[in-house]
Every structure is written in C-alpha cells, then in structure tokens.
Amino acid sequence: MTRTGILFVLSAPSGAGKTTLRDHLRGTMEFAYSVSCTTRAARPGEVDGRDYHFLTPAEFERRRSEGGFIEDASVHGASYGTPTGPVLASIEAGLDVLVDVDFQGARQIRECSQPGIREALVDIFLMPPGLDELQRRLEGRGTESDVQIALRLQNAEREMAAWSEYHYTIVSGTPEQDQARFRAIMQAERCRTRRLRR
C-alpha cells in the first residue's frame, strides 16, 4: 500500500522552541522541506534555492496574483510566501512536507483553494507552558533587547490565543519531549486509513 503525502504546518510564538524542533525534523530527511520565496535581499551565507527563493517584488506579485502561494505575508517591508507547486507535487508523490508559519499563515493555508492542500493539512501549534517561561527562554537566548522581548511577549499572547484553531497542540517541554510528541502525531497521521491507497 502507498499513501498520499501530509502537509505538516508548525506554528509557535517566538521563543517557544519551534526553530529547534523544525531544525531537528529537517535533519532527519523525513520531509520535503518547503523553501519559501521572499523579496528581501539575501544575507551573507544564504543561497538562493536552499535558504529562500529570492524574487523581485514584481515577480513575487505576479506569482501571488496567479495563485502561486499557499500563504504569503509582508514582514518588515519584505514579502514572504510558500510556493504552491512544490508542495502539491510532494504531496501527490506521497512525500510529507514540513512548513513553519505564523498563525496568520496557517489560517491562509486552511482556506487554500487547492483541495489537495486542504486534505493533506495537519496543523500543529507548539504552545509555551506560560508567558513567564517564554520570557525566561527569550532572555536566555541573549539575542534581543528588553524592548524587543516585551514586544515578542505581547505578540505571543495574541498568537497563543489561536491555539484552538489547530488540529493538535503540543505544550512545549524539553526539546526531546517536543520531538517525541511531534513524532507521535506524525506516526498517527501516517497511519490514517483515508491517506492509504492500494
């Protein structure tokens, strides 16, 4: 028996552990990781096609108008989008895809006009245990100022309110616990009867 691919969408507030979880999963080679498009300039060390697909604003707008993204957003003056074609191709080939987006991106994916995207979707919210713990994690990173941490915490409250929109919510613990919980969801979804075909 074979099965259709699954679109795993992972969201979390900044500092909740999403990047650590994503990087671990990405390193297992069990997923076709979706490379996003952006209009921002490449940073030192970034490679076109590996880190992002770097597009001109005109090219980005053309793709967006043609329905070329399953979700897109503008952040700090640049546009970002998840391309539809590679995601659909992977799903149809029976490969699982991992996408990490914020809660607004997850909402767009749920409303995607492509039935293959909606049927493949499994969205997962990584919830910090609480704002106090989230603040401790953000301060522990040592990468943001007090003002930036305050802003991230304010945004996190808004993001955490969206947890009930997701199929699954993982309350973040240690990185190992987060990985084990995600893997449990992943294995269960891979065994769903409706995904199997003879």
C-alpha atoms as a PDB file:
ATOM      1  CA  MET A   1       0.000   0.000   0.000  1.00  0.00           C
ATOM      2  CA  THR A   2       1.072   3.570  -0.607  1.00  0.00           C
ATOM      3  CA  ARG A   3      -0.263   6.789   0.821  1.00  0.00           C
ATOM      4  CA  THR A   4      -0.647  10.422  -0.039  1.00  0.00           C
ATOM      5  CA  GLY A   5       1.728  12.935   1.469  1.00  0.00           C
ATOM      6  CA  ILE A   6       0.901  15.018   4.512  1.00  0.00           C
ATOM      7  CA  LEU A   7       1.340  18.775   4.847  1.00  0.00           C
ATOM      8  CA  PHE A   8       2.587  19.344   8.389  1.00  0.00           C
ATOM      9  CA  VAL A   9       2.203  23.014   9.344  1.00  0.00           C
ATOM     10  CA  LEU A  10       4.020  24.073  12.510  1.00  0.00           C
ATOM     11  CA  SER A  11       3.348  27.359  14.322  1.00  0.00           C
ATOM     12  CA  ALA A  12       4.563  28.791  17.618  1.00  0.00           C
ATOM     13  CA  PRO A  13       5.314  32.135  19.250  1.00  0.00           C
ATOM     14  CA  SER A  14       8.918  33.328  19.137  1.00  0.00           C
ATOM     15  CA  GLY A  15      10.941  31.537  21.813  1.00  0.00           C
ATOM     16  CA  ALA A  16       8.597  28.561  22.179  1.00  0.00           C
ATOM     17  CA  GLY A  17      11.062  26.112  20.613  1.00  0.00           C
ATOM     18  CA  LYS A  18       9.777  25.956  17.030  1.00  0.00           C
ATOM     19  CA  THR A  19      13.167  26.554  15.380  1.00  0.00           C
ATOM     20  CA  THR A  20      14.825  23.845  17.495  1.00  0.00           C
ATOM     21  CA  LEU A  21      12.031  21.381  16.675  1.00  0.00           C
ATOM     22  CA  ARG A  22      11.991  22.320  12.989  1.00  0.00           C
ATOM     23  CA  ASP A  23      15.761  22.004  12.636  1.00  0.00           C
ATOM     24  CA  HIS A  24      15.716  18.574  14.290  1.00  0.00           C
ATOM     25  CA  LEU A  25      12.939  17.354  11.982  1.00  0.00           C
ATOM     26  CA  ARG A  26      14.608  18.873   8.950  1.00  0.00           C
ATOM     27  CA  GLY A  27      17.798  16.995   9.765  1.00  0.00           C
ATOM     28  CA  THR A  28      16.020  13.598   9.699  1.00  0.00           C
ATOM     29  CA  MET A  29      15.367  13.795   5.935  1.00  0.00           C
ATOM     30  CA  GLU A  30      11.819  12.513   6.529  1.00  0.00           C
ATOM     31  CA  PHE A  31      10.253  15.588   4.970  1.00  0.00           C
ATOM     32  CA  ALA A  32      10.350  17.606   1.806  1.00  0.00           C
ATOM     33  CA  TYR A  33      11.042  20.938   3.498  1.00  0.00           C
ATOM     34  CA  SER A  34       9.309  23.797   1.706  1.00  0.00           C
ATOM     35  CA  VAL A  35      11.658  26.604   0.653  1.00  0.00           C
ATOM     36  CA  SER A  36       9.862  29.949   0.891  1.00  0.00           C
ATOM     37  CA  CYS A  37      10.039  32.836  -1.552  1.00  0.00           C
ATOM     38  CA  THR A  38      10.979  36.325  -0.410  1.00  0.00           C
ATOM     39  CA  THR A  39      11.607  39.779  -1.815  1.00  0.00           C
ATOM     40  CA  ARG A  40      14.238  40.636   0.792  1.00  0.00           C
ATOM     41  CA  ALA A  41      17.908  40.626  -0.131  1.00  0.00           C
ATOM     42  CA  ALA A  42      19.964  37.534   0.610  1.00  0.00           C
ATOM     43  CA  ARG A  43      22.019  37.727   3.801  1.00  0.00           C
ATOM     44  CA  PRO A  44      25.685  36.677   3.870  1.00  0.00           C
ATOM     45  CA  GLY A  45      25.917  32.895   3.516  1.00  0.00           C
ATOM     46  CA  GLU A  46      22.360  32.433   2.241  1.00  0.00           C
ATOM     47  CA  VAL A  47      21.958  30.501  -1.008  1.00  0.00           C
ATOM     48  CA  ASP A  48      19.131  31.016  -3.497  1.00  0.00           C
ATOM     49  CA  GLY A  49      17.007  27.877  -3.669  1.00  0.00           C
ATOM     50  CA  ARG A  50      18.356  26.470  -0.406  1.00  0.00           C
ATOM     51  CA  ASP A  51      17.502  29.134   2.178  1.00  0.00           C
ATOM     52  CA  TYR A  52      14.921  31.084   0.143  1.00  0.00           C
ATOM     53  CA  HIS A  53      13.932  31.688  -3.430  1.00  0.00           C
ATOM     54  CA  PHE A  54      14.897  35.362  -3.774  1.00  0.00           C
ATOM     55  CA  LEU A  55      12.444  37.170  -6.068  1.00  0.00           C
ATOM     56  CA  THR A  56      11.978  40.735  -7.253  1.00  0.00           C
ATOM     57  CA  PRO A  57       8.827  42.449  -5.934  1.00  0.00           C
ATOM     58  CA  ALA A  58       7.326  42.320  -9.453  1.00  0.00           C
ATOM     59  CA  GLU A  59       7.951  38.567  -9.767  1.00  0.00           C
ATOM     60  CA  PHE A  60       6.523  37.963  -6.295  1.00  0.00           C
ATOM     61  CA  GLU A  61       3.360  39.921  -7.120  1.00  0.00           C
ATOM     62  CA  ARG A  62       2.960  38.061 -10.415  1.00  0.00           C
ATOM     63  CA  ARG A  63       3.155  34.707  -8.641  1.00  0.00           C
ATOM     64  CA  ARG A  64       0.764  35.834  -5.932  1.00  0.00           C
ATOM     65  CA  SER A  65      -1.810  37.059  -8.482  1.00  0.00           C
ATOM     66  CA  GLU A  66      -1.604  33.679 -10.248  1.00  0.00           C
ATOM     67  CA  GLY A  67      -2.302  31.769  -7.017  1.00  0.00           C
ATOM     68  CA  GLY A  68       1.305  30.653  -6.736  1.00  0.00           C
ATOM     69  CA  PHE A  69       1.437  30.700  -2.924  1.00  0.00           C
ATOM     70  CA  ILE A  70      -0.488  28.674  -0.351  1.00  0.00           C
ATOM     71  CA  GLU A  71       0.187  31.526   2.074  1.00  0.00           C
ATOM     72  CA  ASP A  72       2.012  34.837   1.977  1.00  0.00           C
ATOM     73  CA  ALA A  73       2.706  37.771   4.239  1.00  0.00           C
ATOM     74  CA  SER A  74       4.540  41.079   4.432  1.00  0.00           C
ATOM     75  CA  VAL A  75       7.048  41.352   7.279  1.00  0.00           C
ATOM     76  CA  HIS A  76       9.330  44.343   7.925  1.00  0.00           C
ATOM     77  CA  GLY A  77       8.832  45.680   4.410  1.00  0.00           C
ATOM     78  CA  ALA A  78       9.538  42.392   2.595  1.00  0.00           C
ATOM     79  CA  SER A  79       7.142  39.788   1.196  1.00  0.00           C
ATOM     80  CA  TYR A  80       7.310  36.075   2.006  1.00  0.00           C
ATOM     81  CA  GLY A  81       5.331  33.198   0.510  1.00  0.00           C
ATOM     82  CA  THR A  82       5.143  29.395   0.454  1.00  0.00           C
ATOM     83  CA  PRO A  83       5.025  28.220  -3.185  1.00  0.00           C
ATOM     84  CA  THR A  84       2.053  26.022  -4.109  1.00  0.00           C
ATOM     85  CA  GLY A  85       3.610  23.910  -6.893  1.00  0.00           C
ATOM     86  CA  PRO A  86       6.413  22.130  -4.987  1.00  0.00           C
ATOM     87  CA  VAL A  87       4.125  21.457  -2.004  1.00  0.00           C
ATOM     88  CA  LEU A  88       1.412  19.877  -4.178  1.00  0.00           C
ATOM     89  CA  ALA A  89       3.942  17.871  -6.184  1.00  0.00           C
ATOM     90  CA  SER A  90       5.447  16.413  -2.997  1.00  0.00           C
ATOM     91  CA  ILE A  91       2.052  15.535  -1.524  1.00  0.00           C
ATOM     92  CA  GLU A  92       0.921  13.829  -4.727  1.00  0.00           C
ATOM     93  CA  ALA A  93       4.202  11.837  -4.787  1.00  0.00           C
ATOM     94  CA  GLY A  94       3.485  10.550  -1.263  1.00  0.00           C
ATOM     95  CA  LEU A  95       6.101  12.743   0.406  1.00  0.00           C
ATOM     96  CA  ASP A  96       5.407  14.617   3.619  1.00  0.00           C
ATOM     97  CA  VAL A  97       6.057  18.356   3.658  1.00  0.00           C
ATOM     98  CA  LEU A  98       7.013  20.460   6.680  1.00  0.00           C
ATOM     99  CA  VAL A  99       6.145  24.166   6.680  1.00  0.00           C
ATOM    100  CA  ASP A 100       6.634  26.582   9.571  1.00  0.00           C
ATOM    101  CA  VAL A 101       4.460  29.692   9.501  1.00  0.00           C
ATOM    102  CA  ASP A 102       2.788  32.021  11.979  1.00  0.00           C
ATOM    103  CA  PHE A 103      -0.890  31.681  12.910  1.00  0.00           C
ATOM    104  CA  GLN A 104      -1.957  34.030  10.100  1.00  0.00           C
ATOM    105  CA  GLY A 105      -0.130  31.882   7.545  1.00  0.00           C
ATOM    106  CA  ALA A 106      -1.786  28.769   8.994  1.00  0.00           C
ATOM    107  CA  ARG A 107      -5.195  30.419   8.552  1.00  0.00           C
ATOM    108  CA  GLN A 108      -4.430  31.132   4.896  1.00  0.00           C
ATOM    109  CA  ILE A 109      -3.379  27.518   4.313  1.00  0.00           C
ATOM    110  CA  ARG A 110      -6.635  26.258   5.876  1.00  0.00           C
ATOM    111  CA  GLU A 111      -8.535  28.454   3.406  1.00  0.00           C
ATOM    112  CA  CYS A 112      -6.403  27.471   0.379  1.00  0.00           C
ATOM    113  CA  SER A 113      -8.446  26.922  -2.783  1.00  0.00           C
ATOM    114  CA  GLN A 114      -6.473  23.771  -3.666  1.00  0.00           C
ATOM    115  CA  PRO A 115      -8.362  20.693  -2.360  1.00  0.00           C
ATOM    116  CA  GLY A 116      -5.137  18.660  -2.293  1.00  0.00           C
ATOM    117  CA  ILE A 117      -3.622  21.139   0.176  1.00  0.00           C
ATOM    118  CA  ARG A 118      -6.657  21.173   2.475  1.00  0.00           C
ATOM    119  CA  GLU A 119      -6.964  17.366   2.505  1.00  0.00           C
ATOM    120  CA  ALA A 120      -3.267  16.910   3.304  1.00  0.00           C
ATOM    121  CA  LEU A 121      -3.170  19.524   6.068  1.00  0.00           C
ATOM    122  CA  VAL A 122      -2.212  18.646   9.646  1.00  0.00           C
ATOM    123  CA  ASP A 123      -1.529  21.807  11.626  1.00  0.00           C
ATOM    124  CA  ILE A 124       0.266  21.772  14.954  1.00  0.00           C
ATOM    125  CA  PHE A 125       0.675  24.591  17.469  1.00  0.00           C
ATOM    126  CA  LEU A 126       3.682  24.494  19.800  1.00  0.00           C
ATOM    127  CA  MET A 127       2.427  26.197  22.954  1.00  0.00           C
ATOM    128  CA  PRO A 128       4.849  27.573  25.554  1.00  0.00           C
ATOM    129  CA  PRO A 129       3.969  26.456  29.106  1.00  0.00           C
ATOM    130  CA  GLY A 130       3.236  30.083  30.004  1.00  0.00           C
ATOM    131  CA  LEU A 131       4.369  33.648  29.431  1.00  0.00           C
ATOM    132  CA  ASP A 132       6.795  33.518  32.377  1.00  0.00           C
ATOM    133  CA  GLU A 133       8.583  30.519  30.869  1.00  0.00           C
ATOM    134  CA  LEU A 134       8.517  32.136  27.436  1.00  0.00           C
ATOM    135  CA  GLN A 135      10.121  35.277  28.865  1.00  0.00           C
ATOM    136  CA  ARG A 136      12.793  33.151  30.563  1.00  0.00           C
ATOM    137  CA  ARG A 137      13.572  31.415  27.252  1.00  0.00           C
ATOM    138  CA  LEU A 138      13.730  34.691  25.324  1.00  0.00           C
ATOM    139  CA  GLU A 139      16.034  36.270  27.915  1.00  0.00           C
ATOM    140  CA  GLY A 140      18.180  33.120  27.892  1.00  0.00           C
ATOM    141  CA  ARG A 141      18.824  33.469  24.172  1.00  0.00           C
ATOM    142  CA  GLY A 142      20.536  36.800  24.752  1.00  0.00           C
ATOM    143  CA  THR A 143      19.723  37.978  21.235  1.00  0.00           C
ATOM    144  CA  GLU A 144      17.051  40.610  21.928  1.00  0.00           C
ATOM    145  CA  SER A 145      16.859  43.818  23.931  1.00  0.00           C
ATOM    146  CA  ASP A 146      14.346  44.277  26.757  1.00  0.00           C
ATOM    147  CA  VAL A 147      12.140  46.284  24.378  1.00  0.00           C
ATOM    148  CA  GLN A 148      12.256  43.538  21.749  1.00  0.00           C
ATOM    149  CA  ILE A 149      11.451  40.864  24.355  1.00  0.00           C
ATOM    150  CA  ALA A 150       8.471  42.899  25.580  1.00  0.00           C
ATOM    151  CA  LEU A 151       7.186  43.177  22.001  1.00  0.00           C
ATOM    152  CA  ARG A 152       7.663  39.441  21.389  1.00  0.00           C
ATOM    153  CA  LEU A 153       5.756  38.636  24.588  1.00  0.00           C
ATOM    154  CA  GLN A 154       2.938  40.961  23.548  1.00  0.00           C
ATOM    155  CA  ASN A 155       2.766  39.259  20.135  1.00  0.00           C
ATOM    156  CA  ALA A 156       2.959  35.832  21.797  1.00  0.00           C
ATOM    157  CA  GLU A 157      -0.211  36.495  23.793  1.00  0.00           C
ATOM    158  CA  ARG A 158      -2.092  37.163  20.558  1.00  0.00           C
ATOM    159  CA  GLU A 159      -0.589  34.091  18.865  1.00  0.00           C
ATOM    160  CA  MET A 160      -1.289  31.800  21.823  1.00  0.00           C
ATOM    161  CA  ALA A 161      -4.972  32.759  21.673  1.00  0.00           C
ATOM    162  CA  ALA A 162      -5.178  30.966  18.297  1.00  0.00           C
ATOM    163  CA  TRP A 163      -4.167  27.510  19.638  1.00  0.00           C
ATOM    164  CA  SER A 164      -7.696  26.068  19.407  1.00  0.00           C
ATOM    165  CA  GLU A 165      -7.752  26.580  15.615  1.00  0.00           C
ATOM    166  CA  TYR A 166      -5.145  23.833  15.164  1.00  0.00           C
ATOM    167  CA  HIS A 167      -5.630  20.064  14.827  1.00  0.00           C
ATOM    168  CA  TYR A 168      -3.027  19.485  17.543  1.00  0.00           C
ATOM    169  CA  THR A 169      -1.429  21.498  20.341  1.00  0.00           C
ATOM    170  CA  ILE A 170       1.871  20.443  21.922  1.00  0.00           C
ATOM    171  CA  VAL A 171       2.631  22.108  25.256  1.00  0.00           C
ATOM    172  CA  SER A 172       6.376  22.640  24.969  1.00  0.00           C
ATOM    173  CA  GLY A 173       8.695  20.901  27.395  1.00  0.00           C
ATOM    174  CA  THR A 174      12.287  19.951  26.712  1.00  0.00           C
ATOM    175  CA  PRO A 175      13.423  19.743  23.067  1.00  0.00           C
ATOM    176  CA  GLU A 176      13.400  15.933  23.392  1.00  0.00           C
ATOM    177  CA  GLN A 177       9.804  15.945  24.702  1.00  0.00           C
ATOM    178  CA  ASP A 178       8.684  18.255  21.893  1.00  0.00           C
ATOM    179  CA  GLN A 179      10.298  15.964  19.318  1.00  0.00           C
ATOM    180  CA  ALA A 180       8.682  12.848  20.806  1.00  0.00           C
ATOM    181  CA  ARG A 181       5.226  14.468  20.844  1.00  0.00           C
ATOM    182  CA  PHE A 182       5.550  15.687  17.278  1.00  0.00           C
ATOM    183  CA  ARG A 183       6.692  12.218  16.197  1.00  0.00           C
ATOM    184  CA  ALA A 184       3.663  10.624  17.877  1.00  0.00           C
ATOM    185  CA  ILE A 185       1.369  12.914  15.863  1.00  0.00           C
ATOM    186  CA  MET A 186       3.367  12.237  12.713  1.00  0.00           C
ATOM    187  CA  GLN A 187       3.133   8.454  13.092  1.00  0.00           C
ATOM    188  CA  ALA A 188      -0.601   8.538  13.837  1.00  0.00           C
ATOM    189  CA  GLU A 189      -1.314  10.719  10.807  1.00  0.00           C
ATOM    190  CA  ARG A 190       0.757   8.470   8.555  1.00  0.00           C
ATOM    191  CA  CYS A 191      -1.500   5.536   9.568  1.00  0.00           C
ATOM    192  CA  ARG A 192      -4.813   7.267   8.798  1.00  0.00           C
ATOM    193  CA  THR A 193      -6.900   4.993   6.605  1.00  0.00           C
ATOM    194  CA  ARG A 194      -8.053   7.819   4.362  1.00  0.00           C
ATOM    195  CA  ARG A 195      -4.453   8.535   3.351  1.00  0.00           C
ATOM    196  CA  LEU A 196      -3.769   4.977   2.203  1.00  0.00           C
ATOM    197  CA  ARG A 197      -4.241   3.694  -1.304  1.00  0.00           C
ATOM    198  CA  ARG A 198      -3.722   0.282  -2.940  1.00  0.00           C
END
